[in-house]
Amino acid sequence: MSDPGDFIRSALEYEGDVWRAQDVRERLGAGLDSTGASVGAVRGTVRDALRKFRSLEHDDVTALSSELWEPAVFEPRLAAVVLLQSRAEWLRGSDLTRLEGFVRDSRVDELSDPLARDVVAPMLAGLRGAALTRADAVLDRWEAEGGRLARAASLARASARSEHG
């Protein structure tokens, strides 16, 4: 466990509410647990973590996102999405492998949709040349596979197009 990961997990546990946690578990289902922290608390916690741990670079952010994603708990996974959203300009085409794993394991649209719109799309918008060609091939494969991956590819491409004008 990293210090930033411990900070985020502890804060989400502290901010949690047993009744909200029960509601989230029942509403989302999909075998996801919940701390009961609000979306605002998740966003604020990530913001505070980025202020506290200012030295985080690309590899630290992507590793932290994987650490937060590991347990099947909604709020730390949402924190991973918010973290990646906040540093989307740092992401590279090679990060699509990790993001694909997150989409595959997201279980609910409340996680996969913001991953597609707010993480994959801005990453795509920043790619050029061969990197963009490779990323497009990955999204073509996602679309061909169907299901949650196809939905994510479609959302990412639509959002990336709208960012370009």
N, C-alpha and C. Protein backbone atom coordinates (compact mmCIF):
# COMPACT_ATOMS: atom_id res chain seq x y z
N MET A 1 0.84 -1.18 0.00
CA MET A 1 0.00 0.00 0.00
C MET A 1 0.88 1.25 0.00
N SER A 2 0.58 2.15 -0.90
CA SER A 2 1.33 3.39 -0.98
C SER A 2 0.75 4.41 0.01
N ASP A 3 1.54 5.42 0.34
CA ASP A 3 1.05 6.48 1.22
C ASP A 3 -0.15 7.21 0.61
N PRO A 4 -0.11 7.57 -0.68
CA PRO A 4 -1.30 8.22 -1.26
C PRO A 4 -2.53 7.29 -1.25
N GLY A 5 -2.31 6.01 -1.52
CA GLY A 5 -3.41 5.06 -1.49
C GLY A 5 -4.01 4.92 -0.11
N ASP A 6 -3.14 4.83 0.90
CA ASP A 6 -3.62 4.76 2.28
C ASP A 6 -4.40 6.02 2.66
N PHE A 7 -3.88 7.17 2.25
CA PHE A 7 -4.54 8.44 2.53
C PHE A 7 -5.96 8.45 1.94
N ILE A 8 -6.07 8.07 0.68
CA ILE A 8 -7.37 8.10 0.00
C ILE A 8 -8.32 7.08 0.62
N ARG A 9 -7.85 5.86 0.83
CA ARG A 9 -8.73 4.83 1.41
C ARG A 9 -9.20 5.23 2.81
N SER A 10 -8.30 5.74 3.63
CA SER A 10 -8.67 6.15 4.99
C SER A 10 -9.70 7.28 4.97
N ALA A 11 -9.48 8.25 4.09
CA ALA A 11 -10.41 9.38 4.00
C ALA A 11 -11.79 8.91 3.54
N LEU A 12 -11.83 7.99 2.58
CA LEU A 12 -13.12 7.51 2.09
C LEU A 12 -13.85 6.71 3.16
N GLU A 13 -13.11 5.94 3.94
CA GLU A 13 -13.73 5.22 5.06
C GLU A 13 -14.28 6.20 6.09
N TYR A 14 -13.51 7.24 6.40
CA TYR A 14 -13.93 8.24 7.37
C TYR A 14 -15.17 8.98 6.89
N GLU A 15 -15.21 9.31 5.61
CA GLU A 15 -16.33 10.06 5.03
C GLU A 15 -17.56 9.19 4.80
N GLY A 16 -17.41 7.89 4.95
CA GLY A 16 -18.49 6.97 4.64
C GLY A 16 -19.67 7.06 5.59
N ASP A 17 -20.79 6.61 5.08
CA ASP A 17 -22.04 6.58 5.84
C ASP A 17 -22.67 5.21 5.60
N VAL A 18 -23.00 4.51 6.68
CA VAL A 18 -23.49 3.15 6.56
C VAL A 18 -24.77 3.06 5.73
N TRP A 19 -25.65 4.06 5.86
CA TRP A 19 -26.91 4.03 5.12
C TRP A 19 -26.68 4.29 3.63
N ARG A 20 -25.79 5.24 3.34
CA ARG A 20 -25.46 5.50 1.94
C ARG A 20 -24.77 4.28 1.33
N ALA A 21 -23.90 3.64 2.10
CA ALA A 21 -23.20 2.44 1.61
C ALA A 21 -24.20 1.36 1.24
N GLN A 22 -25.19 1.16 2.10
CA GLN A 22 -26.21 0.15 1.82
C GLN A 22 -26.98 0.50 0.55
N ASP A 23 -27.33 1.78 0.41
CA ASP A 23 -28.06 2.23 -0.78
C ASP A 23 -27.23 2.01 -2.04
N VAL A 24 -25.95 2.35 -1.99
CA VAL A 24 -25.07 2.18 -3.16
C VAL A 24 -24.97 0.70 -3.53
N ARG A 25 -24.76 -0.16 -2.54
CA ARG A 25 -24.67 -1.60 -2.81
C ARG A 25 -25.94 -2.12 -3.46
N GLU A 26 -27.09 -1.70 -2.95
CA GLU A 26 -28.37 -2.16 -3.50
C GLU A 26 -28.63 -1.58 -4.89
N ARG A 27 -28.30 -0.30 -5.08
CA ARG A 27 -28.57 0.37 -6.36
C ARG A 27 -27.66 -0.15 -7.46
N LEU A 28 -26.37 -0.29 -7.17
CA LEU A 28 -25.42 -0.72 -8.19
C LEU A 28 -25.37 -2.23 -8.35
N GLY A 29 -25.50 -2.94 -7.26
CA GLY A 29 -25.37 -4.40 -7.34
C GLY A 29 -24.01 -4.77 -7.88
N ALA A 30 -23.95 -5.70 -8.78
CA ALA A 30 -22.73 -6.10 -9.50
C ALA A 30 -21.61 -6.56 -8.58
N GLY A 31 -21.94 -6.90 -7.34
CA GLY A 31 -20.91 -7.40 -6.43
C GLY A 31 -19.94 -6.35 -5.94
N LEU A 32 -20.28 -5.06 -6.09
CA LEU A 32 -19.42 -4.00 -5.59
C LEU A 32 -19.81 -3.64 -4.17
N ASP A 33 -18.82 -3.51 -3.31
CA ASP A 33 -19.05 -3.03 -1.96
C ASP A 33 -19.03 -1.50 -2.00
N SER A 34 -19.29 -0.87 -0.87
CA SER A 34 -19.32 0.59 -0.81
C SER A 34 -18.88 1.07 0.56
N THR A 35 -18.17 2.19 0.58
CA THR A 35 -17.83 2.83 1.86
C THR A 35 -18.93 3.78 2.29
N GLY A 36 -19.76 4.21 1.34
CA GLY A 36 -20.80 5.17 1.65
C GLY A 36 -20.34 6.62 1.58
N ALA A 37 -19.14 6.87 1.07
CA ALA A 37 -18.67 8.24 0.89
C ALA A 37 -19.41 8.86 -0.30
N SER A 38 -19.72 10.13 -0.20
CA SER A 38 -20.41 10.82 -1.29
C SER A 38 -19.46 11.06 -2.46
N VAL A 39 -20.03 11.35 -3.63
CA VAL A 39 -19.21 11.67 -4.80
C VAL A 39 -18.37 12.91 -4.51
N GLY A 40 -18.96 13.89 -3.84
CA GLY A 40 -18.21 15.10 -3.47
C GLY A 40 -17.03 14.78 -2.57
N ALA A 41 -17.23 13.85 -1.63
CA ALA A 41 -16.13 13.44 -0.75
C ALA A 41 -15.04 12.73 -1.54
N VAL A 42 -15.44 11.92 -2.51
CA VAL A 42 -14.44 11.23 -3.35
C VAL A 42 -13.61 12.26 -4.11
N ARG A 43 -14.28 13.21 -4.74
CA ARG A 43 -13.56 14.24 -5.51
C ARG A 43 -12.66 15.08 -4.60
N GLY A 44 -13.18 15.47 -3.46
CA GLY A 44 -12.39 16.27 -2.52
C GLY A 44 -11.19 15.50 -1.98
N THR A 45 -11.38 14.23 -1.73
CA THR A 45 -10.29 13.39 -1.24
C THR A 45 -9.17 13.28 -2.27
N VAL A 46 -9.53 13.07 -3.52
CA VAL A 46 -8.51 13.00 -4.58
C VAL A 46 -7.80 14.34 -4.71
N ARG A 47 -8.55 15.43 -4.69
CA ARG A 47 -7.94 16.76 -4.75
C ARG A 47 -6.95 16.96 -3.60
N ASP A 48 -7.37 16.58 -2.38
CA ASP A 48 -6.50 16.72 -1.22
C ASP A 48 -5.26 15.84 -1.34
N ALA A 49 -5.43 14.64 -1.86
CA ALA A 49 -4.28 13.73 -2.03
C ALA A 49 -3.28 14.30 -3.03
N LEU A 50 -3.78 14.88 -4.11
CA LEU A 50 -2.88 15.46 -5.11
C LEU A 50 -2.14 16.68 -4.56
N ARG A 51 -2.76 17.40 -3.64
CA ARG A 51 -2.08 18.52 -2.98
C ARG A 51 -1.04 18.01 -1.99
N LYS A 52 -1.40 16.99 -1.25
CA LYS A 52 -0.51 16.44 -0.22
C LYS A 52 0.69 15.73 -0.84
N PHE A 53 0.47 15.02 -1.93
CA PHE A 53 1.51 14.23 -2.58
C PHE A 53 1.83 14.86 -3.94
N ARG A 54 2.40 16.04 -3.91
CA ARG A 54 2.65 16.83 -5.13
C ARG A 54 3.66 16.21 -6.08
N SER A 55 4.48 15.31 -5.58
CA SER A 55 5.56 14.76 -6.42
C SER A 55 5.09 13.62 -7.33
N LEU A 56 3.81 13.28 -7.28
CA LEU A 56 3.32 12.19 -8.12
C LEU A 56 3.51 12.51 -9.60
N GLU A 57 4.08 11.56 -10.32
CA GLU A 57 4.28 11.70 -11.76
C GLU A 57 3.43 10.65 -12.48
N HIS A 58 3.56 10.58 -13.79
CA HIS A 58 2.74 9.67 -14.60
C HIS A 58 2.69 8.26 -14.03
N ASP A 59 3.85 7.64 -13.83
CA ASP A 59 3.87 6.25 -13.37
C ASP A 59 3.26 6.10 -11.98
N ASP A 60 3.45 7.11 -11.12
CA ASP A 60 2.86 7.07 -9.78
C ASP A 60 1.34 7.14 -9.86
N VAL A 61 0.84 8.01 -10.72
CA VAL A 61 -0.61 8.18 -10.88
C VAL A 61 -1.24 6.91 -11.43
N THR A 62 -0.63 6.32 -12.44
CA THR A 62 -1.22 5.11 -13.02
C THR A 62 -1.13 3.94 -12.04
N ALA A 63 -0.02 3.84 -11.30
CA ALA A 63 0.09 2.78 -10.29
C ALA A 63 -0.93 2.99 -9.17
N LEU A 64 -1.10 4.23 -8.74
CA LEU A 64 -2.09 4.53 -7.70
C LEU A 64 -3.50 4.21 -8.18
N SER A 65 -3.79 4.49 -9.44
CA SER A 65 -5.12 4.17 -9.96
C SER A 65 -5.36 2.66 -9.90
N SER A 66 -4.34 1.87 -10.22
CA SER A 66 -4.48 0.41 -10.13
C SER A 66 -4.66 -0.04 -8.68
N GLU A 67 -3.92 0.58 -7.78
CA GLU A 67 -4.04 0.24 -6.36
C GLU A 67 -5.45 0.53 -5.85
N LEU A 68 -6.01 1.66 -6.24
CA LEU A 68 -7.37 2.02 -5.82
C LEU A 68 -8.42 1.13 -6.47
N TRP A 69 -8.13 0.65 -7.66
CA TRP A 69 -9.09 -0.18 -8.40
C TRP A 69 -9.15 -1.60 -7.84
N GLU A 70 -8.08 -2.05 -7.23
CA GLU A 70 -7.95 -3.47 -6.85
C GLU A 70 -9.13 -4.00 -6.04
N PRO A 71 -9.51 -3.37 -4.94
CA PRO A 71 -10.67 -3.92 -4.22
C PRO A 71 -11.96 -3.61 -4.98
N ALA A 72 -12.91 -4.51 -4.92
CA ALA A 72 -14.20 -4.31 -5.60
C ALA A 72 -15.10 -3.43 -4.73
N VAL A 73 -14.65 -2.18 -4.54
CA VAL A 73 -15.37 -1.20 -3.74
C VAL A 73 -15.59 0.04 -4.61
N PHE A 74 -16.83 0.49 -4.70
CA PHE A 74 -17.18 1.55 -5.63
C PHE A 74 -16.39 2.83 -5.44
N GLU A 75 -16.32 3.35 -4.23
CA GLU A 75 -15.72 4.68 -4.02
C GLU A 75 -14.22 4.73 -4.31
N PRO A 76 -13.41 3.76 -3.88
CA PRO A 76 -12.00 3.80 -4.31
C PRO A 76 -11.85 3.68 -5.82
N ARG A 77 -12.71 2.90 -6.46
CA ARG A 77 -12.67 2.81 -7.93
C ARG A 77 -13.05 4.16 -8.55
N LEU A 78 -14.06 4.80 -7.99
CA LEU A 78 -14.42 6.13 -8.48
C LEU A 78 -13.27 7.10 -8.25
N ALA A 79 -12.57 6.97 -7.12
CA ALA A 79 -11.40 7.81 -6.86
C ALA A 79 -10.32 7.57 -7.91
N ALA A 80 -10.16 6.34 -8.36
CA ALA A 80 -9.19 6.05 -9.43
C ALA A 80 -9.58 6.78 -10.70
N VAL A 81 -10.88 6.78 -11.02
CA VAL A 81 -11.36 7.48 -12.21
C VAL A 81 -11.11 8.98 -12.07
N VAL A 82 -11.44 9.55 -10.92
CA VAL A 82 -11.25 10.99 -10.68
C VAL A 82 -9.76 11.34 -10.77
N LEU A 83 -8.92 10.50 -10.20
CA LEU A 83 -7.47 10.71 -10.27
C LEU A 83 -7.00 10.75 -11.73
N LEU A 84 -7.43 9.78 -12.51
CA LEU A 84 -7.05 9.74 -13.92
C LEU A 84 -7.63 10.92 -14.70
N GLN A 85 -8.86 11.32 -14.37
CA GLN A 85 -9.47 12.50 -15.00
C GLN A 85 -8.60 13.73 -14.75
N SER A 86 -8.13 13.85 -13.52
CA SER A 86 -7.37 15.04 -13.14
C SER A 86 -5.99 15.09 -13.79
N ARG A 87 -5.52 13.97 -14.27
CA ARG A 87 -4.20 13.91 -14.91
C ARG A 87 -4.30 13.29 -16.31
N ALA A 88 -5.43 13.45 -16.96
CA ALA A 88 -5.65 12.83 -18.28
C ALA A 88 -4.63 13.30 -19.30
N GLU A 89 -4.16 14.53 -19.17
CA GLU A 89 -3.18 15.04 -20.13
C GLU A 89 -1.84 14.30 -20.04
N TRP A 90 -1.61 13.59 -18.95
CA TRP A 90 -0.37 12.83 -18.78
C TRP A 90 -0.45 11.46 -19.44
N LEU A 91 -1.64 11.00 -19.76
CA LEU A 91 -1.80 9.63 -20.24
C LEU A 91 -1.30 9.46 -21.66
N ARG A 92 -0.84 8.25 -21.93
CA ARG A 92 -0.27 7.90 -23.24
C ARG A 92 -1.08 6.75 -23.83
N GLY A 93 -0.88 6.51 -25.10
CA GLY A 93 -1.54 5.39 -25.74
C GLY A 93 -1.25 4.07 -25.06
N SER A 94 -0.06 3.92 -24.51
CA SER A 94 0.31 2.68 -23.83
C SER A 94 -0.52 2.45 -22.56
N ASP A 95 -1.17 3.49 -22.06
CA ASP A 95 -2.02 3.35 -20.87
C ASP A 95 -3.36 2.71 -21.20
N LEU A 96 -3.67 2.54 -22.48
CA LEU A 96 -4.94 1.92 -22.87
C LEU A 96 -5.08 0.50 -22.34
N THR A 97 -3.98 -0.21 -22.18
CA THR A 97 -4.06 -1.58 -21.64
C THR A 97 -4.63 -1.56 -20.23
N ARG A 98 -4.11 -0.67 -19.40
CA ARG A 98 -4.61 -0.54 -18.03
C ARG A 98 -6.07 -0.09 -18.04
N LEU A 99 -6.38 0.90 -18.88
CA LEU A 99 -7.75 1.41 -18.94
C LEU A 99 -8.72 0.35 -19.44
N GLU A 100 -8.28 -0.48 -20.38
CA GLU A 100 -9.13 -1.58 -20.84
C GLU A 100 -9.44 -2.53 -19.69
N GLY A 101 -8.45 -2.82 -18.88
CA GLY A 101 -8.69 -3.68 -17.72
C GLY A 101 -9.71 -3.07 -16.78
N PHE A 102 -9.62 -1.76 -16.57
CA PHE A 102 -10.59 -1.09 -15.71
C PHE A 102 -11.99 -1.17 -16.30
N VAL A 103 -12.12 -0.91 -17.59
CA VAL A 103 -13.44 -0.98 -18.23
C VAL A 103 -14.00 -2.39 -18.13
N ARG A 104 -13.17 -3.38 -18.42
CA ARG A 104 -13.63 -4.78 -18.34
C ARG A 104 -14.14 -5.12 -16.94
N ASP A 105 -13.46 -4.60 -15.92
CA ASP A 105 -13.77 -4.95 -14.54
C ASP A 105 -14.66 -3.91 -13.85
N SER A 106 -15.16 -2.94 -14.59
CA SER A 106 -15.91 -1.85 -13.96
C SER A 106 -17.25 -2.29 -13.39
N ARG A 107 -17.88 -3.24 -14.03
CA ARG A 107 -19.15 -3.83 -13.58
C ARG A 107 -20.37 -2.94 -13.73
N VAL A 108 -20.18 -1.61 -13.69
CA VAL A 108 -21.33 -0.69 -13.75
C VAL A 108 -20.99 0.50 -14.65
N ASP A 109 -22.03 1.05 -15.29
CA ASP A 109 -21.85 2.21 -16.16
C ASP A 109 -21.35 3.42 -15.38
N GLU A 110 -21.66 3.49 -14.09
CA GLU A 110 -21.24 4.63 -13.27
C GLU A 110 -19.72 4.71 -13.15
N LEU A 111 -19.02 3.64 -13.49
CA LEU A 111 -17.56 3.67 -13.54
C LEU A 111 -17.04 3.67 -14.97
N SER A 112 -17.61 2.83 -15.83
CA SER A 112 -17.07 2.71 -17.19
C SER A 112 -17.37 3.95 -18.04
N ASP A 113 -18.51 4.58 -17.85
CA ASP A 113 -18.84 5.76 -18.66
C ASP A 113 -17.88 6.93 -18.40
N PRO A 114 -17.63 7.30 -17.12
CA PRO A 114 -16.66 8.39 -16.92
C PRO A 114 -15.24 8.00 -17.33
N LEU A 115 -14.90 6.73 -17.23
CA LEU A 115 -13.59 6.30 -17.74
C LEU A 115 -13.50 6.60 -19.23
N ALA A 116 -14.55 6.28 -19.96
CA ALA A 116 -14.54 6.49 -21.42
C ALA A 116 -14.56 7.98 -21.76
N ARG A 117 -15.51 8.71 -21.18
CA ARG A 117 -15.71 10.12 -21.53
C ARG A 117 -14.60 11.03 -21.01
N ASP A 118 -14.19 10.80 -19.77
CA ASP A 118 -13.35 11.77 -19.08
C ASP A 118 -11.89 11.35 -18.94
N VAL A 119 -11.58 10.13 -19.34
CA VAL A 119 -10.19 9.65 -19.26
C VAL A 119 -9.71 9.24 -20.65
N VAL A 120 -10.39 8.28 -21.27
CA VAL A 120 -9.95 7.79 -22.59
C VAL A 120 -10.09 8.89 -23.65
N ALA A 121 -11.21 9.60 -23.66
CA ALA A 121 -11.43 10.62 -24.70
C ALA A 121 -10.36 11.72 -24.67
N PRO A 122 -10.06 12.33 -23.51
CA PRO A 122 -9.01 13.36 -23.53
C PRO A 122 -7.65 12.79 -23.90
N MET A 123 -7.39 11.54 -23.51
CA MET A 123 -6.14 10.91 -23.90
C MET A 123 -6.07 10.80 -25.43
N LEU A 124 -7.17 10.32 -26.04
CA LEU A 124 -7.22 10.20 -27.50
C LEU A 124 -7.02 11.56 -28.17
N ALA A 125 -7.65 12.58 -27.61
CA ALA A 125 -7.56 13.92 -28.20
C ALA A 125 -6.13 14.44 -28.21
N GLY A 126 -5.30 13.94 -27.30
CA GLY A 126 -3.92 14.38 -27.24
C GLY A 126 -2.95 13.56 -28.06
N LEU A 127 -3.41 12.46 -28.64
CA LEU A 127 -2.52 11.58 -29.42
C LEU A 127 -2.42 12.05 -30.86
N ARG A 128 -1.27 11.77 -31.46
CA ARG A 128 -1.03 12.12 -32.86
C ARG A 128 -0.30 10.97 -33.54
N GLY A 129 -0.37 10.94 -34.86
CA GLY A 129 0.44 10.03 -35.66
C GLY A 129 0.23 8.57 -35.33
N ALA A 130 1.34 7.84 -35.21
CA ALA A 130 1.30 6.39 -34.98
C ALA A 130 0.62 6.04 -33.67
N ALA A 131 0.80 6.89 -32.64
CA ALA A 131 0.16 6.62 -31.35
C ALA A 131 -1.36 6.64 -31.48
N LEU A 132 -1.88 7.59 -32.24
CA LEU A 132 -3.33 7.67 -32.46
C LEU A 132 -3.82 6.49 -33.30
N THR A 133 -3.05 6.10 -34.30
CA THR A 133 -3.40 4.95 -35.13
C THR A 133 -3.49 3.68 -34.28
N ARG A 134 -2.52 3.48 -33.39
CA ARG A 134 -2.54 2.30 -32.50
C ARG A 134 -3.74 2.36 -31.56
N ALA A 135 -4.02 3.54 -31.00
CA ALA A 135 -5.15 3.68 -30.09
C ALA A 135 -6.47 3.41 -30.82
N ASP A 136 -6.58 3.90 -32.05
CA ASP A 136 -7.79 3.64 -32.84
C ASP A 136 -7.98 2.14 -33.08
N ALA A 137 -6.88 1.44 -33.33
CA ALA A 137 -6.96 -0.02 -33.53
C ALA A 137 -7.45 -0.71 -32.26
N VAL A 138 -7.00 -0.23 -31.11
CA VAL A 138 -7.46 -0.80 -29.83
C VAL A 138 -8.96 -0.56 -29.68
N LEU A 139 -9.41 0.66 -29.96
CA LEU A 139 -10.85 0.96 -29.83
C LEU A 139 -11.68 0.20 -30.86
N ASP A 140 -11.12 -0.04 -32.04
CA ASP A 140 -11.81 -0.90 -33.02
C ASP A 140 -12.03 -2.29 -32.44
N ARG A 141 -11.00 -2.80 -31.77
CA ARG A 141 -11.10 -4.13 -31.15
C ARG A 141 -12.15 -4.11 -30.04
N TRP A 142 -12.17 -3.05 -29.24
CA TRP A 142 -13.18 -2.93 -28.19
C TRP A 142 -14.58 -2.97 -28.81
N GLU A 143 -14.78 -2.22 -29.88
CA GLU A 143 -16.10 -2.19 -30.52
C GLU A 143 -16.49 -3.56 -31.07
N ALA A 144 -15.53 -4.26 -31.65
CA ALA A 144 -15.81 -5.59 -32.21
C ALA A 144 -16.15 -6.58 -31.11
N GLU A 145 -15.56 -6.41 -29.95
CA GLU A 145 -15.83 -7.33 -28.85
C GLU A 145 -17.23 -7.17 -28.29
N GLY A 146 -17.75 -5.97 -28.36
CA GLY A 146 -19.11 -5.73 -27.89
C GLY A 146 -19.19 -5.45 -26.40
N GLY A 147 -20.41 -5.40 -25.90
CA GLY A 147 -20.65 -5.21 -24.48
C GLY A 147 -20.13 -3.88 -23.95
N ARG A 148 -19.64 -3.92 -22.73
CA ARG A 148 -19.17 -2.72 -22.04
C ARG A 148 -18.01 -2.06 -22.78
N LEU A 149 -17.12 -2.87 -23.38
CA LEU A 149 -15.99 -2.30 -24.12
C LEU A 149 -16.48 -1.52 -25.34
N ALA A 150 -17.46 -2.05 -26.05
CA ALA A 150 -18.00 -1.34 -27.23
C ALA A 150 -18.64 -0.03 -26.81
N ARG A 151 -19.38 -0.05 -25.73
CA ARG A 151 -19.99 1.18 -25.22
C ARG A 151 -18.92 2.20 -24.87
N ALA A 152 -17.86 1.75 -24.20
CA ALA A 152 -16.77 2.65 -23.82
C ALA A 152 -16.08 3.24 -25.04
N ALA A 153 -15.83 2.41 -26.05
CA ALA A 153 -15.18 2.90 -27.27
C ALA A 153 -16.04 3.96 -27.95
N SER A 154 -17.34 3.70 -28.03
CA SER A 154 -18.25 4.65 -28.66
C SER A 154 -18.30 5.97 -27.90
N LEU A 155 -18.41 5.90 -26.58
CA LEU A 155 -18.44 7.12 -25.76
C LEU A 155 -17.13 7.89 -25.87
N ALA A 156 -16.01 7.17 -25.83
CA ALA A 156 -14.70 7.82 -25.91
C ALA A 156 -14.54 8.54 -27.24
N ARG A 157 -14.89 7.87 -28.31
CA ARG A 157 -14.74 8.49 -29.63
C ARG A 157 -15.67 9.70 -29.79
N ALA A 158 -16.90 9.57 -29.34
CA ALA A 158 -17.85 10.69 -29.44
C ALA A 158 -17.36 11.88 -28.61
N SER A 159 -16.87 11.61 -27.42
CA SER A 159 -16.38 12.69 -26.56
C SER A 159 -15.11 13.31 -27.12
N ALA A 160 -14.22 12.50 -27.68
CA ALA A 160 -12.99 13.02 -28.27
C ALA A 160 -13.31 13.91 -29.47
N ARG A 161 -14.29 13.49 -30.28
CA ARG A 161 -14.70 14.32 -31.43
C ARG A 161 -15.26 15.66 -30.97
N SER A 162 -16.06 15.65 -29.91
CA SER A 162 -16.65 16.90 -29.44
C SER A 162 -15.59 17.82 -28.84
N GLU A 163 -14.51 17.26 -28.31
CA GLU A 163 -13.41 18.09 -27.79
C GLU A 163 -12.68 18.80 -28.91
N HIS A 164 -12.67 18.18 -30.10
CA HIS A 164 -11.98 18.79 -31.24
C HIS A 164 -12.84 19.81 -31.96
N GLY A 165 -14.05 19.99 -31.52
CA GLY A 165 -14.85 21.02 -32.16
C GLY A 165 -16.13 20.53 -32.61
